[in-house]
Amino acid sequence: MVGELERYATFIWQEIKRDLIYRIQTNDHRVARKLKKRKKAKLVLWGLNAPIWVFQIKYSSPRRAIIGLGNITGEDVEKTAYTGIFVSYTLPYMDTQNVGEVNETK
């Protein structure tokens, strides 16, 4: 039986309506690492026993925030059933090479 592939979720929402500050919540360590490198993104919450990070970031408009989330995750952004919350799903990184494998050419 084939199960569903695990995927990570990254959410974005406006902290206060009509304010330019947004929150990005993710459980993907690659997205969290990208956001930690940005000077304008501030880490405001992280999980101790669970992989969760919440960042605060400023965008000039809601449209730019959605585009920015797509650029960070590299995937499409979808609207959720909740008003004003958008999500982008990413798949875990799958490497096909074994650790320590060396390709020899003669």
Protein backbone atom coordinates (compact mmCIF):
# COMPACT_ATOMS: atom_id res chain seq x y z
CA MET A 1 0.00 0.00 0.00
CA VAL A 2 1.34 3.38 -0.97
CA GLY A 3 1.06 6.15 1.59
CA GLU A 4 1.01 9.86 1.01
CA LEU A 5 4.41 11.53 0.83
CA GLU A 6 5.24 13.76 3.78
CA ARG A 7 5.26 17.45 2.93
CA TYR A 8 6.12 20.62 4.78
CA ALA A 9 3.77 23.60 5.10
CA THR A 10 4.68 27.29 5.22
CA PHE A 11 1.93 29.76 6.13
CA ILE A 12 1.81 33.55 5.82
CA TRP A 13 -0.70 35.95 7.33
CA GLN A 14 -0.97 39.65 8.07
CA GLU A 15 -0.36 40.30 11.74
CA ILE A 16 -2.75 43.28 11.96
CA LYS A 17 -5.14 44.21 9.17
CA ARG A 18 -3.97 47.21 7.11
CA ASP A 19 -0.50 46.93 8.63
CA LEU A 20 2.57 45.99 6.60
CA ILE A 21 3.86 43.38 9.05
CA TYR A 22 3.39 39.70 8.23
CA ARG A 23 4.11 36.42 10.02
CA ILE A 24 5.57 33.39 8.26
CA GLN A 25 5.21 30.03 10.03
CA THR A 26 7.04 26.97 8.74
CA ASN A 27 8.06 23.47 9.71
CA ASP A 28 10.57 23.21 6.84
CA HIS A 29 14.15 23.65 8.03
CA ARG A 30 15.29 24.84 4.56
CA VAL A 31 12.74 27.68 4.54
CA ALA A 32 13.70 28.61 8.13
CA ARG A 33 17.38 28.72 7.16
CA LYS A 34 16.60 31.03 4.21
CA LEU A 35 14.59 33.37 6.43
CA LYS A 36 17.31 33.44 9.14
CA LYS A 37 19.73 34.78 6.52
CA ARG A 38 17.46 37.73 5.65
CA LYS A 39 18.18 40.92 7.55
CA LYS A 40 14.54 42.04 7.49
CA ALA A 41 13.14 38.76 8.84
CA LYS A 42 13.00 38.46 12.63
CA LEU A 43 12.66 35.10 14.36
CA VAL A 44 9.92 35.57 16.96
CA LEU A 45 9.06 31.97 17.91
CA TRP A 46 10.64 28.54 17.57
CA GLY A 47 9.72 25.09 18.79
CA LEU A 48 11.84 23.26 21.33
CA ASN A 49 10.40 19.78 20.83
CA ALA A 50 8.94 20.27 17.37
CA PRO A 51 10.30 21.70 14.12
CA ILE A 52 8.41 25.00 13.97
CA TRP A 53 9.64 28.52 13.29
CA VAL A 54 7.67 31.78 13.11
CA PHE A 55 9.21 34.88 11.55
CA GLN A 56 8.06 38.48 11.41
CA ILE A 57 8.73 40.29 8.14
CA LYS A 58 7.59 43.51 6.49
CA TYR A 59 6.18 43.67 2.95
CA SER A 60 4.84 46.72 1.11
CA SER A 61 1.57 45.05 0.05
CA PRO A 62 -0.32 41.76 0.41
CA ARG A 63 0.45 40.90 -3.20
CA ARG A 64 4.21 41.28 -2.61
CA ALA A 65 3.92 39.13 0.52
CA ILE A 66 2.38 36.28 -1.49
CA ILE A 67 5.02 36.64 -4.22
CA GLY A 68 7.72 36.71 -1.53
CA LEU A 69 6.43 33.48 0.02
CA GLY A 70 6.53 31.82 -3.39
CA ASN A 71 10.11 32.99 -3.90
CA ILE A 72 11.20 31.71 -0.48
CA THR A 73 9.64 28.25 -0.86
CA GLY A 74 10.05 27.85 -4.61
CA GLU A 75 6.51 26.44 -4.83
CA ASP A 76 3.03 27.74 -5.64
CA VAL A 77 1.08 29.63 -2.98
CA GLU A 78 -2.50 28.59 -2.25
CA LYS A 79 -5.30 30.33 -0.39
CA THR A 80 -6.60 28.47 2.66
CA ALA A 81 -10.18 28.21 3.88
CA TYR A 82 -9.37 30.80 6.55
CA THR A 83 -9.53 34.45 5.55
CA GLY A 84 -6.18 36.09 4.95
CA ILE A 85 -4.00 32.98 5.39
CA PHE A 86 -1.97 31.58 2.52
CA VAL A 87 0.04 28.35 2.40
CA SER A 88 2.85 26.89 0.32
CA TYR A 89 3.64 23.17 0.50
CA THR A 90 7.16 21.86 -0.03
CA LEU A 91 8.43 18.31 -0.28
CA PRO A 92 11.35 16.98 1.77
CA TYR A 93 14.74 16.98 0.11
CA MET A 94 15.48 13.56 -1.39
CA ASP A 95 19.07 12.80 -2.31
CA THR A 96 19.76 9.92 -4.70
CA GLN A 97 23.43 9.49 -3.87
CA ASN A 98 24.67 7.56 -0.89
CA VAL A 99 26.73 9.43 1.68
CA GLY A 100 30.43 9.16 0.89
CA GLU A 101 29.91 7.88 -2.63
CA VAL A 102 32.64 8.99 -5.04
CA ASN A 103 32.39 8.86 -8.80
CA GLU A 104 35.67 7.72 -10.31
CA THR A 105 36.51 8.57 -13.91
CA LYS A 106 39.46 6.99 -15.69
